[in-house]
Amino acid sequence: MKESVVGIDLGFGWTKAGHNGQFFRCPSVVGEAVNLFESPTGIENNIQLWYNDQHYFVGELAIRQATIKYFSMAANKARSDISAILAATALAALKPGRVNIVTGLPVDFYFQYKDDLDNQLQHLPNRVRIQMDNKTYNCALEVQQTKIVPQPLGSAMSLILDSRGNTIDHRLASKNILVVDVGFHTLDILALSALEIIRPFSFTRPLGMAVAYKGISQDLGGLPLYDVDRLFIKNQLQNHTAAFQSLARQITEEIAGLNQKFDHYLITGGGGAQLYNWLLPGFERILVPDAQQANVVGYQKLGAKTWSKRNIS
């Protein structure tokens, strides 16, 4: 049976996944399911998952309707069932069949939680039931092999490899690179020298978009951070650029404090794309295309490289 490669980015703010040109994205929030009143027009963003005999709301529906919510924000998220539920949701949504998974962990959490996350992904339930777009499906989960990498590596691989895992940008692959991945809650920095990860210059900091959102939330009467993020994605926060400029300055100072010059600075993550105009002025910057999905794209390419001699897609 043919195997597929799925890239999954289990972010603190958003879960993203990709397979053969299809993409899935939802907030990294799981809630205990409750009975809902019937809506005359149907319910949008209605993801529900039946997982190990438990019924959950996932993503937007959990934020809107669940009384008890679980957020994927803790440092030990790899040990939490939330990561497994979100991964199972992504797989059920994409329906890839028999699958190999590549995913990532924040740089500072990689060595401590790599084995735990790998174990979770290898022991997902064989079957789950998912409801999306008001349709319900029974899905088999057939995880064959997994690969866990430092999270920002996916963005670098999205530029350096092709879809079959072959190196297409040999020049970039030979350079000293700093990947700057700005997520919802964290800033992840990954240093590469000819694709060797340089540990002293690779780290995680609590400098994600939520730092800017907290001040904006107060200005908007305590609006939850996920709602602030929605407004941001819809480009409805033009009057709050000072908060984003301040965050960009903090990130720039963090990187300048390394006192280490790199040939290129790859700016990635949804936050990286939005802060790009203010980030690292005067540095040799490259904005990774489709920065919000770049890790997922790179994970798929890395999976193709890892399992290239096997019958996969």
Protein backbone atom coordinates (compact mmCIF):
# COMPACT_ATOMS: atom_id res chain seq x y z
CA MET A 1 0.00 0.00 0.00
CA LYS A 2 1.30 3.44 -0.91
CA GLU A 3 2.30 5.72 1.97
CA SER A 4 1.91 9.50 2.15
CA VAL A 5 3.95 12.20 3.83
CA VAL A 6 2.03 14.68 5.96
CA GLY A 7 3.68 17.74 7.47
CA ILE A 8 2.07 18.92 10.71
CA ASP A 9 2.93 22.15 12.52
CA LEU A 10 1.56 21.84 16.07
CA GLY A 11 1.96 25.51 16.94
CA PHE A 12 1.04 27.04 20.28
CA GLY A 13 -1.49 29.24 18.49
CA TRP A 14 -2.40 27.36 15.32
CA THR A 15 -2.27 23.79 14.07
CA LYS A 16 -1.41 23.53 10.38
CA ALA A 17 -0.95 20.48 8.19
CA GLY A 18 -0.35 19.71 4.53
CA HIS A 19 -0.54 16.74 2.19
CA ASN A 20 -0.29 16.64 -1.62
CA GLY A 21 -1.28 20.28 -2.09
CA GLN A 22 -4.08 20.23 0.49
CA PHE A 23 -3.79 22.30 3.66
CA PHE A 24 -5.57 22.27 7.01
CA ARG A 25 -5.49 25.02 9.62
CA CYS A 26 -7.28 25.61 12.92
CA PRO A 27 -6.59 27.27 16.28
CA SER A 28 -4.73 24.96 18.68
CA VAL A 29 -7.67 24.75 21.07
CA VAL A 30 -9.64 21.67 22.15
CA GLY A 31 -12.83 21.81 24.21
CA GLU A 32 -15.13 19.28 25.82
CA ALA A 33 -18.21 18.95 23.64
CA VAL A 34 -21.60 20.23 24.79
CA ASN A 35 -25.07 20.02 23.28
CA LEU A 36 -25.65 22.84 20.79
CA PHE A 37 -28.84 24.57 19.78
CA GLU A 38 -29.79 24.03 16.15
CA SER A 39 -28.73 26.88 13.90
CA PRO A 40 -31.08 27.78 11.01
CA THR A 41 -28.12 28.33 8.66
CA GLY A 42 -25.83 25.57 9.92
CA ILE A 43 -22.71 26.10 11.99
CA GLU A 44 -19.53 27.36 10.32
CA ASN A 45 -16.03 26.25 11.36
CA ASN A 46 -17.70 23.28 13.02
CA ILE A 47 -14.95 20.74 13.72
CA GLN A 48 -15.83 17.97 16.14
CA LEU A 49 -13.74 14.88 16.89
CA TRP A 50 -14.63 11.59 18.56
CA TYR A 51 -11.30 10.34 19.91
CA ASN A 52 -10.89 7.32 22.20
CA ASP A 53 -14.61 7.38 23.02
CA GLN A 54 -14.45 11.08 23.96
CA HIS A 55 -16.24 13.87 22.08
CA TYR A 56 -14.36 17.14 21.53
CA PHE A 57 -14.85 20.49 19.86
CA VAL A 58 -11.72 21.60 18.01
CA GLY A 59 -10.45 24.99 16.87
CA GLU A 60 -12.94 27.80 16.28
CA LEU A 61 -15.88 25.77 17.58
CA ALA A 62 -14.05 25.07 20.85
CA ILE A 63 -13.30 28.78 21.27
CA ARG A 64 -16.92 29.78 20.62
CA GLN A 65 -18.92 27.04 22.31
CA ALA A 66 -16.91 24.92 24.77
CA THR A 67 -17.18 25.73 28.46
CA ILE A 68 -14.02 23.77 29.28
CA LYS A 69 -11.16 24.58 26.90
CA TYR A 70 -7.63 23.24 26.63
CA PHE A 71 -5.00 25.39 24.96
CA SER A 72 -1.78 24.09 23.43
CA MET A 73 0.46 26.58 25.21
CA ALA A 74 2.39 24.69 27.88
CA ALA A 75 6.09 23.92 27.52
CA ASN A 76 5.30 20.23 27.98
CA LYS A 77 2.70 20.21 25.21
CA ALA A 78 4.25 17.04 23.77
CA ARG A 79 3.06 15.19 26.87
CA SER A 80 -0.44 16.57 26.62
CA ASP A 81 -3.31 14.74 24.95
CA ILE A 82 -4.09 18.05 23.27
CA SER A 83 -1.23 17.61 20.79
CA ALA A 84 -2.43 14.11 19.92
CA ILE A 85 -6.03 15.28 19.46
CA LEU A 86 -4.93 18.15 17.21
CA ALA A 87 -2.69 15.84 15.16
CA ALA A 88 -5.53 13.32 14.80
CA THR A 89 -7.87 16.13 13.72
CA ALA A 90 -5.44 17.25 11.03
CA LEU A 91 -4.98 13.70 9.73
CA ALA A 92 -8.72 13.04 9.72
CA ALA A 93 -9.33 16.30 7.84
CA LEU A 94 -6.72 15.52 5.16
CA LYS A 95 -7.53 11.79 4.90
CA PRO A 96 -4.05 10.79 3.66
CA GLY A 97 -4.43 7.05 4.30
CA ARG A 98 -1.31 5.21 5.34
CA VAL A 99 1.04 7.96 6.44
CA ASN A 100 4.50 9.07 7.52
CA ILE A 101 4.53 12.25 9.61
CA VAL A 102 7.09 15.03 9.91
CA THR A 103 6.50 17.63 12.59
CA GLY A 104 8.50 19.99 14.77
CA LEU A 105 9.01 21.23 18.30
CA PRO A 106 10.19 24.66 19.51
CA VAL A 107 13.98 24.71 19.64
CA ASP A 108 14.28 24.88 23.44
CA PHE A 109 11.83 22.01 23.93
CA TYR A 110 13.24 19.70 21.25
CA PHE A 111 15.54 17.42 23.22
CA GLN A 112 13.31 17.23 26.29
CA TYR A 113 10.05 16.36 24.53
CA LYS A 114 11.05 14.80 21.19
CA ASP A 115 10.59 11.20 22.36
CA ASP A 116 7.27 11.99 24.07
CA LEU A 117 5.80 13.56 20.94
CA ASP A 118 7.09 10.74 18.77
CA ASN A 119 5.43 8.21 21.09
CA GLN A 120 2.13 10.11 20.95
CA LEU A 121 2.08 10.19 17.17
CA GLN A 122 2.99 6.51 16.93
CA HIS A 123 0.12 5.58 19.24
CA LEU A 124 -2.78 7.58 17.85
CA PRO A 125 -6.03 5.59 17.86
CA ASN A 126 -6.62 3.43 14.80
CA ARG A 127 -9.95 5.11 14.07
CA VAL A 128 -11.56 8.46 14.83
CA ARG A 129 -14.75 10.17 13.73
CA ILE A 130 -14.67 13.77 12.56
CA GLN A 131 -17.39 16.27 11.73
CA MET A 132 -16.48 19.11 9.38
CA ASP A 133 -18.73 21.38 7.33
CA ASN A 134 -21.69 19.65 8.98
CA LYS A 135 -20.70 16.28 7.49
CA THR A 136 -19.44 13.35 9.58
CA TYR A 137 -16.76 10.87 8.50
CA ASN A 138 -15.17 7.78 10.03
CA CYS A 139 -11.42 7.87 9.43
CA ALA A 140 -8.67 5.28 9.80
CA LEU A 141 -5.36 6.61 11.14
CA GLU A 142 -2.43 4.54 9.89
CA VAL A 143 0.78 6.16 11.11
CA GLN A 144 3.83 4.26 9.87
CA GLN A 145 6.87 6.39 10.67
CA THR A 146 7.48 9.78 12.26
CA LYS A 147 10.26 12.35 12.21
CA ILE A 148 10.54 15.21 14.73
CA VAL A 149 12.73 18.22 13.91
CA PRO A 150 13.39 21.66 15.41
CA GLN A 151 10.35 23.65 14.29
CA PRO A 152 11.96 26.37 12.09
CA LEU A 153 13.91 23.81 10.05
CA GLY A 154 10.80 23.32 7.96
CA SER A 155 10.96 26.87 6.62
CA ALA A 156 14.59 26.48 5.55
CA MET A 157 13.79 23.18 3.83
CA SER A 158 10.85 24.79 2.02
CA LEU A 159 13.39 26.93 0.13
CA ILE A 160 16.26 24.46 -0.22
CA LEU A 161 14.48 21.23 -1.26
CA ASP A 162 12.04 20.38 -4.02
CA SER A 163 8.90 18.31 -3.52
CA ARG A 164 10.89 15.08 -3.98
CA GLY A 165 13.41 16.04 -1.31
CA ASN A 166 16.22 16.94 -3.72
CA THR A 167 18.38 20.01 -3.07
CA ILE A 168 17.53 22.75 -5.56
CA ASP A 169 19.16 25.79 -3.92
CA HIS A 170 22.74 24.65 -3.38
CA ARG A 171 23.95 28.20 -2.80
CA LEU A 172 21.58 28.82 0.09
CA ALA A 173 22.29 25.34 1.47
CA SER A 174 25.99 26.21 1.71
CA LYS A 175 25.51 29.49 3.60
CA ASN A 176 25.30 30.55 7.24
CA ILE A 177 21.58 31.09 7.82
CA LEU A 178 19.51 32.31 10.75
CA VAL A 179 15.85 31.28 10.59
CA VAL A 180 13.61 33.74 12.46
CA ASP A 181 10.23 32.10 13.07
CA VAL A 182 7.66 34.39 14.71
CA GLY A 183 4.64 32.43 15.92
CA PHE A 184 1.62 33.15 18.07
CA HIS A 185 3.33 32.73 21.45
CA THR A 186 6.99 32.10 20.66
CA LEU A 187 9.95 33.33 18.68
CA ASP A 188 12.10 30.44 17.46
CA ILE A 189 15.62 31.06 16.22
CA LEU A 190 17.54 28.36 14.35
CA ALA A 191 21.13 28.84 13.14
CA LEU A 192 22.40 26.75 10.23
CA SER A 193 25.91 26.53 8.78
CA ALA A 194 25.86 24.52 5.55
CA LEU A 195 22.68 22.94 7.00
CA GLU A 196 24.38 21.92 10.25
CA ILE A 197 22.33 23.23 13.19
CA ILE A 198 24.50 25.45 15.40
CA ARG A 199 23.15 24.99 18.89
CA PRO A 200 24.64 28.06 20.71
CA PHE A 201 22.71 30.38 18.38
CA SER A 202 19.45 28.39 18.33
CA PHE A 203 16.79 29.08 20.96
CA THR A 204 13.17 29.90 21.83
CA ARG A 205 11.94 33.14 23.38
CA PRO A 206 8.44 34.25 24.54
CA LEU A 207 8.34 36.95 21.85
CA GLY A 208 5.47 35.81 19.65
CA MET A 209 2.61 37.92 18.34
CA ALA A 210 0.76 37.52 21.64
CA VAL A 211 3.19 40.06 23.14
CA ALA A 212 1.75 42.73 20.84
CA TYR A 213 -1.78 41.38 21.13
CA LYS A 214 -1.86 41.78 24.92
CA GLY A 215 -1.63 45.56 24.73
CA ILE A 216 -4.14 45.69 21.90
CA SER A 217 -6.47 43.43 23.89
CA GLN A 218 -6.49 45.94 26.74
CA ASP A 219 -7.26 48.76 24.31
CA LEU A 220 -10.19 46.71 22.99
CA GLY A 221 -11.74 46.07 26.40
CA GLY A 222 -10.06 42.76 27.20
CA LEU A 223 -10.79 41.05 23.88
CA PRO A 224 -9.37 37.47 23.98
CA LEU A 225 -6.04 37.07 22.20
CA TYR A 226 -7.46 34.66 19.63
CA ASP A 227 -10.07 37.27 18.69
CA VAL A 228 -7.34 39.90 18.38
CA ASP A 229 -5.50 37.49 16.09
CA ARG A 230 -8.60 37.10 13.93
CA LEU A 231 -8.80 40.88 13.51
CA PHE A 232 -5.10 40.95 12.69
CA ILE A 233 -5.45 38.26 10.02
CA LYS A 234 -8.34 40.21 8.49
CA ASN A 235 -6.11 43.33 8.39
CA GLN A 236 -8.41 45.20 10.79
CA LEU A 237 -5.76 46.46 13.25
CA GLN A 238 -4.20 49.28 11.22
CA ASN A 239 -4.46 51.68 14.18
CA HIS A 240 -2.21 49.52 16.37
CA THR A 241 1.03 49.46 14.39
CA ALA A 242 3.00 50.82 17.37
CA ALA A 243 2.50 47.52 19.22
CA PHE A 244 3.86 45.55 16.27
CA GLN A 245 6.78 47.92 15.77
CA SER A 246 7.68 47.52 19.45
CA LEU A 247 7.65 43.72 19.14
CA ALA A 248 9.79 43.89 15.99
CA ARG A 249 12.33 46.04 17.85
CA GLN A 250 12.49 43.52 20.70
CA ILE A 251 13.11 40.68 18.26
CA THR A 252 15.74 42.69 16.39
CA GLU A 253 17.54 43.47 19.65
CA GLU A 254 17.46 39.78 20.63
CA ILE A 255 19.12 38.80 17.36
CA ALA A 256 21.59 41.68 17.32
CA GLY A 257 22.63 40.60 20.82
CA LEU A 258 24.02 37.37 19.38
CA ASN A 259 26.97 39.36 17.99
CA GLN A 260 27.16 36.88 15.15
CA LYS A 261 26.86 37.71 11.45
CA PHE A 262 24.91 35.43 9.12
CA ASP A 263 24.78 35.44 5.34
CA HIS A 264 20.98 35.39 5.28
CA TYR A 265 18.15 35.86 7.76
CA LEU A 266 15.06 33.85 6.79
CA ILE A 267 11.92 35.51 8.14
CA THR A 268 9.05 33.08 8.55
CA GLY A 269 5.88 32.28 10.47
CA GLY A 270 2.63 34.19 10.27
CA GLY A 271 4.04 36.79 12.63
CA GLY A 272 7.27 37.06 10.67
CA ALA A 273 5.38 37.95 7.51
CA GLN A 274 3.35 40.62 9.30
CA LEU A 275 6.35 42.15 11.10
CA TYR A 276 8.69 41.97 8.10
CA ASN A 277 8.67 45.71 7.33
CA TRP A 278 10.10 46.47 10.79
CA LEU A 279 12.24 43.40 11.45
CA LEU A 280 16.05 43.44 11.20
CA PRO A 281 16.52 46.61 9.14
CA GLY A 282 19.88 46.59 7.37
CA PHE A 283 20.23 42.80 7.56
CA GLU A 284 20.29 40.42 4.56
CA ARG A 285 16.68 39.33 4.95
CA ILE A 286 14.65 36.84 2.95
CA LEU A 287 10.90 36.61 3.55
CA VAL A 288 10.02 32.94 3.12
CA PRO A 289 7.15 32.59 0.62
CA ASP A 290 3.80 31.72 2.21
CA ALA A 291 5.50 32.15 5.58
CA GLN A 292 2.52 30.95 7.59
CA GLN A 293 2.56 27.53 5.89
CA ALA A 294 6.30 27.34 5.19
CA ASN A 295 7.13 24.92 8.01
CA VAL A 296 4.43 22.54 6.81
CA VAL A 297 5.70 22.72 3.22
CA GLY A 298 9.26 22.11 4.39
CA TYR A 299 8.23 19.19 6.58
CA GLN A 300 6.65 17.48 3.57
CA LYS A 301 9.81 18.00 1.51
CA LEU A 302 11.98 16.74 4.35
CA GLY A 303 9.76 13.68 4.62
CA ALA A 304 10.19 13.02 0.90
CA LYS A 305 13.97 13.24 1.38
CA THR A 306 13.93 11.00 4.46
CA TRP A 307 11.83 8.24 2.91
CA SER A 308 12.74 8.80 -0.75
CA LYS A 309 13.56 5.13 -1.42
CA ARG A 310 10.17 3.97 -0.23
CA ASN A 311 6.83 4.00 -2.05
CA ILE A 312 5.47 7.31 -0.79
CA SER A 313 3.78 10.43 -2.12
